[in-house]
N, C-alpha and C. Protein backbone atom coordinates (compact mmCIF):
# COMPACT_ATOMS: atom_id res chain seq x y z
N MET A 1 -18.31 -0.16 4.62
CA MET A 1 -17.34 -0.15 3.02
C MET A 1 -16.10 0.85 3.63
N ILE A 2 -14.83 0.76 3.40
CA ILE A 2 -13.80 1.03 3.67
C ILE A 2 -14.12 2.45 2.45
N SER A 3 -13.69 3.61 3.14
CA SER A 3 -13.35 4.94 2.16
C SER A 3 -11.85 5.24 2.63
N LEU A 4 -11.35 5.94 1.59
CA LEU A 4 -9.75 6.72 1.78
C LEU A 4 -9.66 8.13 1.87
N ARG A 5 -9.44 8.18 2.85
CA ARG A 5 -8.73 9.98 2.82
C ARG A 5 -7.10 10.21 2.65
N ARG A 6 -6.75 11.30 2.93
CA ARG A 6 -5.13 11.51 2.75
C ARG A 6 -4.52 11.27 3.95
N PHE A 7 -3.70 10.50 4.06
CA PHE A 7 -3.03 10.23 5.55
C PHE A 7 -2.15 11.65 6.25
N GLU A 8 -2.93 11.36 7.54
CA GLU A 8 -2.26 13.19 7.90
C GLU A 8 -1.55 12.64 8.84
N PRO A 9 -1.08 13.65 9.85
CA PRO A 9 -0.30 13.62 10.89
C PRO A 9 -0.93 12.96 12.15
N ARG A 10 -2.49 13.05 12.36
CA ARG A 10 -3.20 12.07 12.95
C ARG A 10 -3.49 11.05 12.92
N ASP A 11 -2.55 10.40 11.85
CA ASP A 11 -2.85 8.79 11.77
C ASP A 11 -1.17 8.39 11.61
N ASP A 12 -0.33 8.78 12.12
CA ASP A 12 0.85 8.71 12.68
C ASP A 12 0.69 7.15 13.91
N ALA A 13 -0.07 7.70 14.93
CA ALA A 13 0.31 6.60 16.01
C ALA A 13 -0.50 5.43 15.55
N SER A 14 -1.73 5.66 14.90
CA SER A 14 -2.32 4.58 14.33
C SER A 14 -0.96 3.62 13.54
N LEU A 15 -0.67 4.09 12.95
CA LEU A 15 0.46 3.50 11.71
C LEU A 15 1.58 3.01 11.95
N ILE A 16 2.00 3.76 13.22
CA ILE A 16 3.25 3.08 14.15
C ILE A 16 2.73 2.07 14.78
N SER A 17 1.52 2.07 15.35
CA SER A 17 1.49 0.71 16.63
C SER A 17 1.26 -0.46 15.35
N TRP A 18 0.55 -0.33 14.54
CA TRP A 18 0.55 -1.31 13.62
C TRP A 18 1.65 -2.18 13.45
N LEU A 19 2.79 -1.41 13.32
CA LEU A 19 4.30 -2.49 13.01
C LEU A 19 5.04 -2.13 14.08
N ARG A 20 4.83 -3.68 14.76
CA ARG A 20 5.29 -3.94 16.07
C ARG A 20 7.02 -4.28 16.19
N THR A 21 7.71 -4.52 14.81
CA THR A 21 8.97 -4.76 14.88
C THR A 21 9.83 -4.36 13.66
N PRO A 22 11.05 -4.22 14.00
CA PRO A 22 11.59 -3.98 12.67
C PRO A 22 11.16 -4.70 11.88
N GLU A 23 11.11 -6.19 11.48
CA GLU A 23 10.82 -6.76 10.37
C GLU A 23 9.53 -6.77 9.43
N GLU A 24 8.61 -6.41 10.59
CA GLU A 24 7.34 -6.09 9.83
C GLU A 24 7.37 -4.62 9.38
N LEU A 25 8.60 -3.57 9.66
CA LEU A 25 8.18 -2.16 9.12
C LEU A 25 9.43 -2.75 7.73
N TYR A 26 10.04 -3.45 7.92
CA TYR A 26 10.73 -3.82 6.39
C TYR A 26 9.55 -4.07 5.45
N LEU A 27 8.74 -4.91 6.02
CA LEU A 27 7.96 -5.65 4.82
C LEU A 27 6.94 -4.95 4.34
N PHE A 28 6.65 -3.69 5.43
CA PHE A 28 5.85 -2.78 4.98
C PHE A 28 6.37 -1.57 3.81
N THR A 29 7.71 -1.28 4.09
CA THR A 29 8.17 -0.20 3.69
C THR A 29 9.63 -0.53 2.46
N GLY A 30 10.38 -1.67 2.96
CA GLY A 30 11.86 -2.29 2.62
C GLY A 30 12.42 -1.11 3.20
N PRO A 31 13.22 -1.10 2.67
CA PRO A 31 14.79 0.41 3.16
C PRO A 31 14.54 1.76 3.45
N ARG A 32 13.07 2.25 2.91
CA ARG A 32 13.21 3.59 2.86
C ARG A 32 12.80 4.02 3.94
N LEU A 33 11.84 3.61 5.30
CA LEU A 33 11.99 3.66 6.23
C LEU A 33 12.84 3.21 7.75
N LEU A 34 12.93 3.57 8.65
CA LEU A 34 13.60 2.87 9.86
C LEU A 34 12.91 2.66 10.83
N TRP A 35 13.63 1.25 11.53
CA TRP A 35 13.13 1.57 12.61
C TRP A 35 13.90 1.98 13.85
N PRO A 36 13.68 2.57 14.77
CA PRO A 36 11.84 2.62 14.73
C PRO A 36 11.09 3.82 13.94
N LEU A 37 9.94 3.55 13.84
CA LEU A 37 9.36 4.41 12.92
C LEU A 37 8.59 5.32 13.71
N ASP A 38 8.94 6.65 12.97
CA ASP A 38 8.61 8.11 13.90
C ASP A 38 8.08 9.03 12.93
N THR A 39 7.36 10.08 13.45
CA THR A 39 6.80 11.04 12.81
C THR A 39 7.35 11.70 11.97
N ALA A 40 8.58 11.46 12.04
CA ALA A 40 9.65 12.56 11.18
C ALA A 40 9.58 11.75 10.15
N GLN A 41 9.88 10.44 10.09
CA GLN A 41 9.85 9.80 9.15
C GLN A 41 8.51 10.03 7.69
N LEU A 42 7.67 9.97 8.57
CA LEU A 42 6.36 9.96 8.06
C LEU A 42 5.80 11.47 7.48
N ASP A 43 6.74 12.44 8.12
CA ASP A 43 6.36 13.54 7.70
C ASP A 43 7.29 13.97 6.23
N GLY A 44 8.18 13.26 6.15
CA GLY A 44 9.48 13.02 4.75
C GLY A 44 8.23 12.40 4.03
N LEU A 45 7.70 11.40 4.03
CA LEU A 45 6.85 10.43 3.09
C LEU A 45 5.88 11.40 2.83
N ARG A 46 5.08 12.15 3.87
CA ARG A 46 3.92 13.18 3.24
C ARG A 46 4.35 14.07 2.50
N ALA A 47 5.62 14.38 2.71
CA ALA A 47 5.91 15.58 1.53
C ALA A 47 6.72 15.28 0.16
N ASP A 48 6.56 14.21 -0.04
CA ASP A 48 7.34 13.60 -1.44
C ASP A 48 5.97 13.78 -2.12
N GLU A 49 5.96 14.24 -3.51
CA GLU A 49 4.89 14.77 -4.17
C GLU A 49 4.81 13.39 -5.13
N SER A 50 5.77 12.80 -5.10
CA SER A 50 5.51 11.40 -6.01
C SER A 50 4.53 10.43 -5.26
N PHE A 51 4.17 10.86 -3.58
CA PHE A 51 3.76 9.79 -3.12
C PHE A 51 2.29 10.35 -2.90
N ALA A 52 1.48 9.43 -2.88
CA ALA A 52 -0.02 9.52 -2.40
C ALA A 52 -0.53 9.23 -1.44
N PRO A 53 -0.26 9.08 -0.13
CA PRO A 53 -0.40 7.92 0.75
C PRO A 53 -1.99 8.20 1.53
N PHE A 54 -2.66 7.22 1.65
CA PHE A 54 -4.01 7.18 2.37
C PHE A 54 -4.16 6.60 3.14
N THR A 55 -5.41 7.09 4.15
CA THR A 55 -5.70 6.23 5.54
C THR A 55 -7.06 5.29 5.03
N ALA A 56 -7.39 4.40 5.17
CA ALA A 56 -8.39 3.79 5.17
C ALA A 56 -9.12 3.81 6.38
N GLU A 57 -10.63 4.20 6.19
CA GLU A 57 -11.39 4.48 7.27
C GLU A 57 -12.59 3.27 7.43
N LEU A 58 -12.67 2.83 8.40
CA LEU A 58 -14.16 2.33 8.34
C LEU A 58 -14.64 2.67 9.53
N ASP A 59 -16.26 3.47 9.47
CA ASP A 59 -16.78 3.53 10.32
C ASP A 59 -16.01 4.88 11.21
N GLY A 60 -15.62 5.73 10.85
CA GLY A 60 -14.66 6.57 11.12
C GLY A 60 -13.29 6.59 12.02
N ARG A 61 -13.01 5.09 11.79
CA ARG A 61 -11.63 4.46 12.20
C ARG A 61 -10.70 3.93 11.46
N ALA A 62 -9.57 4.72 11.54
CA ALA A 62 -8.59 3.70 10.75
C ALA A 62 -8.24 2.45 10.76
N VAL A 63 -8.35 1.93 9.89
CA VAL A 63 -8.17 0.55 9.47
C VAL A 63 -6.94 0.17 8.68
N GLY A 64 -6.57 1.02 7.81
CA GLY A 64 -5.64 0.43 6.81
C GLY A 64 -4.53 1.77 6.45
N HIS A 65 -3.69 1.52 5.92
CA HIS A 65 -2.99 2.43 5.06
C HIS A 65 -2.48 1.97 3.61
N ILE A 66 -2.31 2.84 2.71
CA ILE A 66 -2.09 2.25 1.09
C ILE A 66 -1.75 3.17 0.51
N GLU A 67 -0.80 3.03 -0.40
CA GLU A 67 -0.33 4.71 -1.21
C GLU A 67 -0.32 4.61 -2.56
N LEU A 68 -0.58 5.62 -3.48
CA LEU A 68 -0.10 5.33 -5.03
C LEU A 68 1.44 6.20 -4.98
N VAL A 69 2.12 5.33 -5.73
CA VAL A 69 3.41 6.25 -6.12
C VAL A 69 3.25 6.54 -7.48
N SER A 70 3.37 7.81 -8.12
CA SER A 70 3.60 8.32 -9.34
C SER A 70 4.95 7.76 -10.01
N THR A 71 4.80 7.05 -11.39
CA THR A 71 5.59 6.23 -11.80
C THR A 71 6.02 7.16 -12.97
N GLY A 72 4.98 7.55 -13.78
CA GLY A 72 5.24 8.13 -15.25
C GLY A 72 3.85 8.58 -15.35
N GLU A 73 3.64 9.62 -16.66
CA GLU A 73 2.16 9.59 -17.27
C GLU A 73 1.50 8.86 -17.33
N GLY A 74 0.43 8.77 -16.64
CA GLY A 74 -0.66 7.52 -16.39
C GLY A 74 -0.65 6.73 -15.67
N GLN A 75 0.39 6.04 -14.89
CA GLN A 75 1.16 5.27 -14.29
C GLN A 75 1.46 5.07 -13.05
N ALA A 76 1.43 4.34 -11.93
CA ALA A 76 1.38 4.34 -10.67
C ALA A 76 2.17 3.17 -10.41
N ARG A 77 2.07 3.10 -8.79
CA ARG A 77 2.54 1.76 -8.53
C ARG A 77 2.04 2.05 -7.00
N VAL A 78 1.00 0.35 -6.89
CA VAL A 78 0.41 0.31 -5.26
C VAL A 78 1.39 0.33 -4.59
N ALA A 79 1.58 0.64 -3.23
CA ALA A 79 2.63 0.82 -2.52
C ALA A 79 2.29 0.30 -1.13
N ARG A 80 3.07 0.04 -0.08
CA ARG A 80 2.66 -0.06 1.36
C ARG A 80 0.92 -0.16 1.66
N VAL A 81 0.93 -1.60 1.47
CA VAL A 81 -0.59 -2.32 1.97
C VAL A 81 -0.80 -2.74 2.92
N LEU A 82 -1.53 -1.88 3.93
CA LEU A 82 -1.52 -2.51 5.52
C LEU A 82 -3.05 -2.31 5.81
N VAL A 83 -3.40 -3.79 6.85
CA VAL A 83 -4.31 -3.44 7.53
C VAL A 83 -4.31 -3.74 8.57
N ALA A 84 -4.90 -3.07 9.65
CA ALA A 84 -4.54 -2.99 11.36
C ALA A 84 -4.34 -4.38 11.48
N PRO A 85 -3.19 -4.61 11.89
CA PRO A 85 -3.15 -6.31 12.40
C PRO A 85 -4.37 -7.22 13.55
N GLU A 86 -5.24 -6.10 13.98
CA GLU A 86 -6.43 -7.00 14.69
C GLU A 86 -7.84 -6.90 14.07
N LEU A 87 -7.61 -6.43 12.70
CA LEU A 87 -8.28 -6.63 11.77
C LEU A 87 -8.12 -7.29 10.31
N GLN A 88 -6.97 -7.74 10.41
CA GLN A 88 -6.63 -8.92 9.20
C GLN A 88 -7.61 -10.24 9.27
N GLY A 89 -7.55 -10.40 8.13
CA GLY A 89 -8.39 -11.87 7.84
C GLY A 89 -10.05 -11.54 7.72
N ARG A 90 -10.36 -10.66 7.62
CA ARG A 90 -11.73 -9.86 7.22
C ARG A 90 -11.95 -9.65 6.08
N GLY A 91 -11.39 -9.62 5.38
CA GLY A 91 -11.51 -8.93 3.44
C GLY A 91 -11.47 -7.27 3.67
N LEU A 92 -10.75 -6.85 4.59
CA LEU A 92 -10.59 -5.38 4.49
C LEU A 92 -9.48 -5.25 3.32
N GLY A 93 -8.82 -5.94 3.52
CA GLY A 93 -7.39 -6.04 2.63
C GLY A 93 -7.89 -5.35 1.31
N GLU A 94 -9.21 -6.73 0.61
CA GLU A 94 -9.82 -6.25 -0.58
C GLU A 94 -10.62 -5.07 -0.76
N GLN A 95 -11.09 -4.37 0.19
CA GLN A 95 -11.90 -3.35 0.15
C GLN A 95 -10.84 -1.93 -0.10
N LEU A 96 -9.73 -2.21 0.81
CA LEU A 96 -8.65 -1.39 0.45
C LEU A 96 -8.05 -1.31 -1.03
N VAL A 97 -7.61 -2.43 -1.43
CA VAL A 97 -7.20 -1.93 -2.80
C VAL A 97 -8.57 -1.60 -3.73
N ARG A 98 -9.60 -2.06 -3.65
CA ARG A 98 -10.56 -1.95 -4.52
C ARG A 98 -10.15 -0.05 -4.61
N ALA A 99 -10.62 0.14 -3.34
CA ALA A 99 -10.48 1.73 -3.51
C ALA A 99 -9.69 2.07 -3.66
N VAL A 100 -8.11 2.01 -3.54
CA VAL A 100 -7.32 2.56 -4.29
C VAL A 100 -7.43 2.10 -6.07
N LEU A 101 -8.10 1.60 -6.34
CA LEU A 101 -8.23 1.02 -7.89
C LEU A 101 -8.90 2.37 -8.38
N ALA A 102 -10.29 2.24 -7.57
CA ALA A 102 -11.04 3.27 -8.10
C ALA A 102 -10.30 4.80 -7.82
N GLU A 103 -9.70 5.21 -7.15
CA GLU A 103 -8.74 6.50 -6.69
C GLU A 103 -7.86 6.65 -8.28
N ALA A 104 -7.57 5.38 -7.85
CA ALA A 104 -6.45 5.59 -9.37
C ALA A 104 -7.36 6.19 -10.63
N ARG A 105 -8.19 5.24 -11.06
CA ARG A 105 -9.57 5.67 -12.06
C ARG A 105 -9.51 6.80 -12.23
N GLY A 106 -10.00 7.32 -11.21
CA GLY A 106 -10.49 8.94 -10.98
C GLY A 106 -9.05 9.93 -11.12
N ARG A 107 -7.96 9.31 -11.38
CA ARG A 107 -6.87 10.30 -11.64
C ARG A 107 -6.42 9.79 -12.75
N GLY A 108 -7.03 8.98 -13.63
CA GLY A 108 -6.62 8.79 -15.05
C GLY A 108 -5.22 7.92 -15.21
N ILE A 109 -5.28 7.28 -14.04
CA ILE A 109 -3.94 5.81 -14.35
C ILE A 109 -4.85 4.81 -15.16
N ARG A 110 -3.63 4.78 -16.09
CA ARG A 110 -4.23 3.74 -16.80
C ARG A 110 -3.15 2.26 -16.47
N SER A 111 -2.16 2.38 -16.04
CA SER A 111 -1.66 1.59 -15.78
C SER A 111 -1.04 1.03 -14.07
N LEU A 112 -1.21 0.31 -13.54
CA LEU A 112 -0.63 0.12 -11.95
C LEU A 112 0.22 -0.58 -11.95
N THR A 113 1.20 -0.59 -11.30
CA THR A 113 2.21 -1.92 -10.66
C THR A 113 2.08 -2.03 -9.38
N LEU A 114 2.69 -3.00 -8.73
CA LEU A 114 3.07 -3.32 -7.33
C LEU A 114 4.04 -4.64 -7.15
N PHE A 115 4.54 -4.86 -6.17
CA PHE A 115 5.42 -5.62 -5.88
C PHE A 115 4.71 -6.49 -4.65
N VAL A 116 4.98 -7.75 -4.40
CA VAL A 116 4.78 -8.19 -3.72
C VAL A 116 5.62 -9.55 -3.21
N LEU A 117 5.91 -9.81 -2.54
CA LEU A 117 6.77 -11.00 -1.75
C LEU A 117 6.16 -12.05 -1.88
N PRO A 118 7.23 -13.00 -2.83
CA PRO A 118 6.70 -14.33 -3.12
C PRO A 118 6.08 -15.44 -2.03
N ASP A 119 6.41 -14.98 -0.95
CA ASP A 119 6.14 -16.10 0.09
C ASP A 119 4.28 -15.24 0.67
N ASN A 120 4.13 -14.18 0.11
CA ASN A 120 2.69 -13.52 0.75
C ASN A 120 1.47 -14.02 -0.03
N ALA A 121 1.35 -15.44 -0.13
CA ALA A 121 0.21 -16.25 -1.13
C ALA A 121 -0.76 -15.72 -0.82
N ARG A 122 -1.70 -15.11 0.22
CA ARG A 122 -2.76 -14.20 0.28
C ARG A 122 -2.74 -13.11 -0.54
N ALA A 123 -1.96 -12.39 -0.14
CA ALA A 123 -2.05 -10.97 -0.85
C ALA A 123 -1.49 -11.33 -2.47
N ILE A 124 -0.87 -12.24 -3.01
CA ILE A 124 -0.95 -12.36 -4.57
C ILE A 124 -2.06 -13.21 -4.97
N ALA A 125 -2.94 -13.82 -4.27
CA ALA A 125 -4.24 -14.54 -4.79
C ALA A 125 -4.87 -12.87 -4.83
N LEU A 126 -4.93 -12.02 -3.60
CA LEU A 126 -5.79 -11.19 -3.83
C LEU A 126 -5.42 -9.96 -5.20
N TYR A 127 -4.26 -10.00 -5.54
CA TYR A 127 -3.91 -9.19 -6.35
C TYR A 127 -4.34 -10.09 -7.84
N GLU A 128 -3.84 -11.23 -8.16
CA GLU A 128 -4.92 -12.20 -9.32
C GLU A 128 -6.27 -11.88 -8.91
N LYS A 129 -7.15 -11.92 -8.31
CA LYS A 129 -8.31 -12.10 -8.37
C LYS A 129 -8.80 -10.49 -8.94
N LEU A 130 -8.14 -9.46 -8.71
CA LEU A 130 -8.42 -8.27 -8.77
C LEU A 130 -7.93 -7.77 -10.10
N GLY A 131 -7.14 -9.00 -10.92
CA GLY A 131 -6.79 -8.95 -12.29
C GLY A 131 -5.33 -8.15 -12.78
N PHE A 132 -4.57 -8.42 -11.43
CA PHE A 132 -2.99 -7.90 -11.91
C PHE A 132 -2.56 -8.76 -12.23
N GLU A 133 -1.51 -9.08 -13.00
CA GLU A 133 -1.07 -10.00 -13.95
C GLU A 133 1.09 -9.93 -13.25
N HIS A 134 1.19 -11.47 -13.32
CA HIS A 134 2.66 -11.53 -13.05
C HIS A 134 3.80 -10.63 -14.39
N ARG A 135 4.70 -10.01 -14.10
CA ARG A 135 5.67 -9.57 -15.10
C ARG A 135 6.92 -9.84 -14.48
N GLY A 136 7.36 -10.97 -13.82
CA GLY A 136 8.84 -10.76 -13.36
C GLY A 136 8.73 -10.69 -11.67
N SER A 137 10.47 -10.79 -11.59
CA SER A 137 10.64 -10.20 -10.09
C SER A 137 11.72 -9.41 -10.28
N SER A 138 11.91 -8.82 -9.22
CA SER A 138 12.81 -7.96 -9.23
C SER A 138 13.96 -8.50 -8.05
N GLU A 139 15.10 -8.52 -8.43
CA GLU A 139 16.58 -9.13 -8.00
C GLU A 139 16.33 -7.62 -6.54
N GLN A 140 16.57 -6.59 -6.64
CA GLN A 140 17.12 -5.41 -6.05
C GLN A 140 15.83 -5.47 -4.82
N LEU A 141 14.35 -5.98 -5.10
CA LEU A 141 13.60 -6.03 -4.12
C LEU A 141 13.56 -7.42 -3.28
N HIS A 142 14.75 -8.16 -3.29
CA HIS A 142 14.74 -9.97 -2.60
C HIS A 142 13.91 -10.49 -3.11
N GLY A 143 13.76 -10.31 -4.66
CA GLY A 143 12.87 -11.44 -5.38
C GLY A 143 11.72 -11.08 -5.33
N ALA A 144 10.79 -9.78 -4.81
CA ALA A 144 9.75 -9.77 -4.74
C ALA A 144 9.01 -9.70 -6.58
N LEU A 145 7.73 -10.24 -6.18
CA LEU A 145 7.22 -10.22 -7.55
C LEU A 145 6.48 -9.11 -7.78
N LEU A 146 6.94 -8.86 -9.24
CA LEU A 146 6.30 -7.09 -9.75
C LEU A 146 4.86 -7.91 -11.03
N MET A 147 3.62 -7.25 -10.50
CA MET A 147 2.28 -7.63 -10.57
C MET A 147 2.00 -6.04 -11.79
N GLU A 148 1.10 -6.04 -12.67
CA GLU A 148 0.54 -5.23 -13.28
C GLU A 148 -0.86 -5.21 -13.91
N LEU A 149 -1.81 -4.26 -13.71
CA LEU A 149 -2.75 -4.04 -14.03
C LEU A 149 -2.98 -3.03 -14.63
N GLN A 150 -3.91 -2.99 -15.99
CA GLN A 150 -4.40 -2.30 -17.20
C GLN A 150 -5.34 -1.94 -17.14
N ASP A 151 -5.51 -0.53 -17.32
CA ASP A 151 -7.20 -0.37 -16.88
C ASP A 151 -7.98 -0.59 -15.87
N PRO A 152 -6.99 -0.01 -14.66
CA PRO A 152 -7.79 -0.44 -13.26
C PRO A 152 -9.24 0.31 -13.19
């Protein structure tokens, strides 16, 4: 079972290796981080107090990354969800999202949102399975779908 811990500098090499092209980096983070991804950019991410970035571990090995971004009192956004490429398709994405939902509950978050690209059918199906509902799309984010979950 996946466990979450705070994203630390020792995780940088793994995360950077999982994002093999500029396109993969853009899908992961949008315009916030630039190719080539490096430790300085990740240090900036860690320094932002509104972000709570996590590394997902399985049997002591880093296998994924996910973030909670504070958007207001009792509200957050799930962001930058990634499973190591060689482990995708094994159900770890669901474990990763369920782990961050538990983290959100523990932090008293009552409303979670996320953005997902409309052609990412696997992610959309997962989010729907976990109770997220469609709330429209964002023109600023290239038509990304906005989804929301109340009382995670």
